[in-house]
């Protein structure tokens, strides 16, 4: 009889949408959490690199900031 089973859990935001951007409360922390990481990785990597290196946040990322949960 099986009384416990687990498979690797994926971090998934409560609203189901990605979280991409700086964590304002922790200096130097950049967050990129999403269910579809494999398909979105190239675009998210590009957007994240631009924001981290050049402080240039793409307007497309605005709805996906961590601040939407505060």
C-alpha atoms as a PDB file:
ATOM      1  CA  UNK A   1       0.000   0.000   0.000  1.00  0.00           C
ATOM      2  CA  UNK A   2       1.336   3.382  -1.008  1.00  0.00           C
ATOM      3  CA  UNK A   3       0.754   6.091   1.549  1.00  0.00           C
ATOM      4  CA  UNK A   4       2.955   8.825   0.105  1.00  0.00           C
ATOM      5  CA  UNK A   5       4.160   9.675  -3.369  1.00  0.00           C
ATOM      6  CA  UNK A   6       5.869  12.756  -4.694  1.00  0.00           C
ATOM      7  CA  UNK A   7       7.296  13.918  -7.948  1.00  0.00           C
ATOM      8  CA  UNK A   8       9.623  16.881  -8.315  1.00  0.00           C
ATOM      9  CA  UNK A   9       7.611  19.969  -7.563  1.00  0.00           C
ATOM     10  CA  UNK A  10       7.837  22.942  -9.873  1.00  0.00           C
ATOM     11  CA  UNK A  11       7.658  26.414  -8.425  1.00  0.00           C
ATOM     12  CA  UNK A  12       4.422  27.826  -9.754  1.00  0.00           C
ATOM     13  CA  UNK A  13       3.074  31.231  -8.732  1.00  0.00           C
ATOM     14  CA  UNK A  14      -0.341  31.141  -7.091  1.00  0.00           C
ATOM     15  CA  UNK A  15      -1.946  33.034 -10.001  1.00  0.00           C
ATOM     16  CA  UNK A  16      -0.342  30.761 -12.613  1.00  0.00           C
ATOM     17  CA  UNK A  17       1.580  33.569 -14.326  1.00  0.00           C
ATOM     18  CA  UNK A  18       5.369  33.992 -14.344  1.00  0.00           C
ATOM     19  CA  UNK A  19       7.238  36.101 -11.816  1.00  0.00           C
ATOM     20  CA  UNK A  20      10.063  37.925 -13.574  1.00  0.00           C
ATOM     21  CA  UNK A  21      12.044  40.797 -12.137  1.00  0.00           C
ATOM     22  CA  UNK A  22      13.981  42.185  -9.217  1.00  0.00           C
ATOM     23  CA  UNK A  23      12.983  41.409  -5.646  1.00  0.00           C
ATOM     24  CA  UNK A  24      12.778  44.926  -4.232  1.00  0.00           C
ATOM     25  CA  UNK A  25      13.275  43.780  -0.640  1.00  0.00           C
ATOM     26  CA  UNK A  26      16.506  41.839  -1.336  1.00  0.00           C
ATOM     27  CA  UNK A  27      19.332  43.735  -3.001  1.00  0.00           C
ATOM     28  CA  UNK A  28      20.781  41.924  -6.006  1.00  0.00           C
ATOM     29  CA  UNK A  29      18.102  39.208  -6.197  1.00  0.00           C
ATOM     30  CA  UNK A  30      16.471  38.681  -9.585  1.00  0.00           C
ATOM     31  CA  UNK A  31      13.559  36.241  -9.782  1.00  0.00           C
ATOM     32  CA  UNK A  32      12.424  34.249 -12.823  1.00  0.00           C
ATOM     33  CA  UNK A  33       9.837  31.647 -11.804  1.00  0.00           C
ATOM     34  CA  UNK A  34       7.331  30.068 -14.162  1.00  0.00           C
ATOM     35  CA  UNK A  35       5.767  26.765 -15.121  1.00  0.00           C
ATOM     36  CA  UNK A  36       6.753  26.938 -18.797  1.00  0.00           C
ATOM     37  CA  UNK A  37      10.437  27.636 -18.197  1.00  0.00           C
ATOM     38  CA  UNK A  38      11.698  25.427 -21.020  1.00  0.00           C
ATOM     39  CA  UNK A  39       9.713  27.210 -23.715  1.00  0.00           C
ATOM     40  CA  UNK A  40      10.105  30.712 -22.271  1.00  0.00           C
ATOM     41  CA  UNK A  41      13.772  30.435 -21.240  1.00  0.00           C
ATOM     42  CA  UNK A  42      15.299  32.081 -24.342  1.00  0.00           C
ATOM     43  CA  UNK A  43      13.053  35.153 -24.170  1.00  0.00           C
ATOM     44  CA  UNK A  44      13.147  35.436 -20.375  1.00  0.00           C
ATOM     45  CA  UNK A  45      16.935  35.085 -20.429  1.00  0.00           C
ATOM     46  CA  UNK A  46      17.202  37.932 -22.915  1.00  0.00           C
ATOM     47  CA  UNK A  47      14.817  40.195 -20.973  1.00  0.00           C
ATOM     48  CA  UNK A  48      16.504  39.349 -17.656  1.00  0.00           C
ATOM     49  CA  UNK A  49      20.001  40.003 -19.002  1.00  0.00           C
ATOM     50  CA  UNK A  50      18.949  43.404 -20.344  1.00  0.00           C
ATOM     51  CA  UNK A  51      17.370  44.344 -17.040  1.00  0.00           C
ATOM     52  CA  UNK A  52      20.231  43.050 -14.873  1.00  0.00           C
ATOM     53  CA  UNK A  53      23.076  44.439 -16.985  1.00  0.00           C
ATOM     54  CA  UNK A  54      21.558  47.623 -18.432  1.00  0.00           C
ATOM     55  CA  UNK A  55      18.731  48.328 -15.960  1.00  0.00           C
ATOM     56  CA  UNK A  56      16.388  48.320 -18.973  1.00  0.00           C
ATOM     57  CA  UNK A  57      13.069  46.669 -18.050  1.00  0.00           C
ATOM     58  CA  UNK A  58      10.976  45.696 -21.051  1.00  0.00           C
ATOM     59  CA  UNK A  59       7.372  46.952 -20.765  1.00  0.00           C
ATOM     60  CA  UNK A  60       6.152  43.447 -21.669  1.00  0.00           C
ATOM     61  CA  UNK A  61       7.347  42.265 -18.244  1.00  0.00           C
ATOM     62  CA  UNK A  62       5.359  44.797 -16.198  1.00  0.00           C
ATOM     63  CA  UNK A  63       2.424  42.470 -15.405  1.00  0.00           C
ATOM     64  CA  UNK A  64       4.837  39.782 -14.187  1.00  0.00           C
ATOM     65  CA  UNK A  65       6.712  41.560 -11.415  1.00  0.00           C
ATOM     66  CA  UNK A  66       6.916  40.164  -7.895  1.00  0.00           C
ATOM     67  CA  UNK A  67       5.307  43.352  -6.589  1.00  0.00           C
ATOM     68  CA  UNK A  68       1.885  42.265  -7.829  1.00  0.00           C
ATOM     69  CA  UNK A  69       1.580  40.087  -4.711  1.00  0.00           C
ATOM     70  CA  UNK A  70       2.072  42.934  -2.233  1.00  0.00           C
END
